[in-house]
Amino acid sequence: MAARVKKLLVGGAAEEGPARSGPPAPNERRSGSPRRGGQDEVDRILDKILEDGFDSLTDEEKRVLDEASRRS
């Protein structure tokens, strides 16, 4: 599961390019298009990981990330 979280944090597989240190900048997100299936929730969880670490997540938040990684 940690590999999936890392994939979400860096926007792709680790070997595809340099790692990023946070969520995408607002101009990198698709403007004008509706957020797909809970993307706001995923962004909130990823922000929480950046601030407080992965261990701070609830079981529900981990489940949401796991499901999001399967959709990607």
C-alpha atoms as a PDB file:
ATOM      1  CA  MET A   1       0.000   0.000   0.000  1.00  0.00           C
ATOM      2  CA  ALA A   2       2.894   2.395   0.707  1.00  0.00           C
ATOM      3  CA  ALA A   3       3.986   2.079  -2.926  1.00  0.00           C
ATOM      4  CA  ARG A   4       0.506   3.143  -4.036  1.00  0.00           C
ATOM      5  CA  VAL A   5       0.588   6.159  -1.714  1.00  0.00           C
ATOM      6  CA  LYS A   6       4.022   7.097  -3.048  1.00  0.00           C
ATOM      7  CA  LYS A   7       2.659   6.778  -6.590  1.00  0.00           C
ATOM      8  CA  LEU A   8      -0.165   9.153  -5.687  1.00  0.00           C
ATOM      9  CA  LEU A   9       2.218  11.619  -4.030  1.00  0.00           C
ATOM     10  CA  VAL A  10       4.638  11.803  -6.955  1.00  0.00           C
ATOM     11  CA  GLY A  11       2.002  11.598  -9.672  1.00  0.00           C
ATOM     12  CA  GLY A  12       3.241   8.350 -11.180  1.00  0.00           C
ATOM     13  CA  ALA A  13       5.693   5.556 -10.617  1.00  0.00           C
ATOM     14  CA  ALA A  14       8.847   6.591  -8.763  1.00  0.00           C
ATOM     15  CA  GLU A  15      11.087   5.696 -11.692  1.00  0.00           C
ATOM     16  CA  GLU A  16       9.144   7.903 -14.118  1.00  0.00           C
ATOM     17  CA  GLY A  17      10.646  11.179 -12.942  1.00  0.00           C
ATOM     18  CA  PRO A  18      11.713  13.279  -9.992  1.00  0.00           C
ATOM     19  CA  ALA A  19       9.651  13.064  -6.819  1.00  0.00           C
ATOM     20  CA  ARG A  20       7.515  16.013  -5.853  1.00  0.00           C
ATOM     21  CA  SER A  21       7.232  17.250  -2.327  1.00  0.00           C
ATOM     22  CA  GLY A  22       3.517  17.890  -2.188  1.00  0.00           C
ATOM     23  CA  PRO A  23       0.216  18.007  -3.937  1.00  0.00           C
ATOM     24  CA  PRO A  24       0.115  19.436  -7.447  1.00  0.00           C
ATOM     25  CA  ALA A  25       0.060  23.185  -7.802  1.00  0.00           C
ATOM     26  CA  PRO A  26      -3.384  24.595  -8.600  1.00  0.00           C
ATOM     27  CA  ASN A  27      -2.380  25.261 -12.207  1.00  0.00           C
ATOM     28  CA  GLU A  28      -1.405  21.589 -12.629  1.00  0.00           C
ATOM     29  CA  ARG A  29      -4.911  20.388 -11.821  1.00  0.00           C
ATOM     30  CA  ARG A  30      -7.442  20.168 -14.591  1.00  0.00           C
ATOM     31  CA  SER A  31      -9.285  23.441 -14.430  1.00  0.00           C
ATOM     32  CA  GLY A  32     -12.889  23.511 -15.495  1.00  0.00           C
ATOM     33  CA  SER A  33     -13.362  19.742 -15.295  1.00  0.00           C
ATOM     34  CA  PRO A  34     -15.374  18.151 -12.493  1.00  0.00           C
ATOM     35  CA  ARG A  35     -13.408  16.354  -9.797  1.00  0.00           C
ATOM     36  CA  ARG A  36     -13.598  12.600 -10.342  1.00  0.00           C
ATOM     37  CA  GLY A  37     -14.949  10.306  -7.632  1.00  0.00           C
ATOM     38  CA  GLY A  38     -13.750  11.834  -4.398  1.00  0.00           C
ATOM     39  CA  GLN A  39     -10.578  13.516  -5.648  1.00  0.00           C
ATOM     40  CA  ASP A  40     -11.072  16.330  -3.121  1.00  0.00           C
ATOM     41  CA  GLU A  41     -11.101  13.730  -0.341  1.00  0.00           C
ATOM     42  CA  VAL A  42      -7.937  12.095  -1.703  1.00  0.00           C
ATOM     43  CA  ASP A  43      -6.244  15.505  -1.854  1.00  0.00           C
ATOM     44  CA  ARG A  44      -7.242  16.194   1.752  1.00  0.00           C
ATOM     45  CA  ILE A  45      -5.827  12.843   2.868  1.00  0.00           C
ATOM     46  CA  LEU A  46      -2.576  13.406   0.980  1.00  0.00           C
ATOM     47  CA  ASP A  47      -2.247  16.826   2.610  1.00  0.00           C
ATOM     48  CA  LYS A  48      -2.740  15.150   5.993  1.00  0.00           C
ATOM     49  CA  ILE A  49       0.054  12.663   5.175  1.00  0.00           C
ATOM     50  CA  LEU A  50       2.376  15.542   4.297  1.00  0.00           C
ATOM     51  CA  GLU A  51       1.610  17.345   7.537  1.00  0.00           C
ATOM     52  CA  ASP A  52       1.245  14.503  10.048  1.00  0.00           C
ATOM     53  CA  GLY A  53       2.623  11.361   8.375  1.00  0.00           C
ATOM     54  CA  PHE A  54       1.028   8.181   7.086  1.00  0.00           C
ATOM     55  CA  ASP A  55       0.545   6.767  10.592  1.00  0.00           C
ATOM     56  CA  SER A  56      -1.907   9.581  11.381  1.00  0.00           C
ATOM     57  CA  LEU A  57      -4.477   8.211   8.904  1.00  0.00           C
ATOM     58  CA  THR A  58      -7.607   6.422  10.039  1.00  0.00           C
ATOM     59  CA  ASP A  59      -8.512   3.028   8.611  1.00  0.00           C
ATOM     60  CA  GLU A  60     -11.194   4.743   6.510  1.00  0.00           C
ATOM     61  CA  GLU A  61      -8.686   7.220   5.054  1.00  0.00           C
ATOM     62  CA  LYS A  62      -6.334   4.363   4.179  1.00  0.00           C
ATOM     63  CA  ARG A  63      -9.224   2.568   2.479  1.00  0.00           C
ATOM     64  CA  VAL A  64     -10.066   5.683   0.439  1.00  0.00           C
ATOM     65  CA  LEU A  65      -6.437   5.946  -0.734  1.00  0.00           C
ATOM     66  CA  ASP A  66      -6.309   2.254  -1.555  1.00  0.00           C
ATOM     67  CA  GLU A  67      -9.461   2.525  -3.675  1.00  0.00           C
ATOM     68  CA  ALA A  68      -8.167   5.671  -5.403  1.00  0.00           C
ATOM     69  CA  SER A  69      -4.906   3.942  -6.257  1.00  0.00           C
ATOM     70  CA  ARG A  70      -6.804   1.064  -7.843  1.00  0.00           C
ATOM     71  CA  ARG A  71      -8.748   3.514 -10.054  1.00  0.00           C
ATOM     72  CA  SER A  72      -5.571   5.164 -11.314  1.00  0.00           C
END
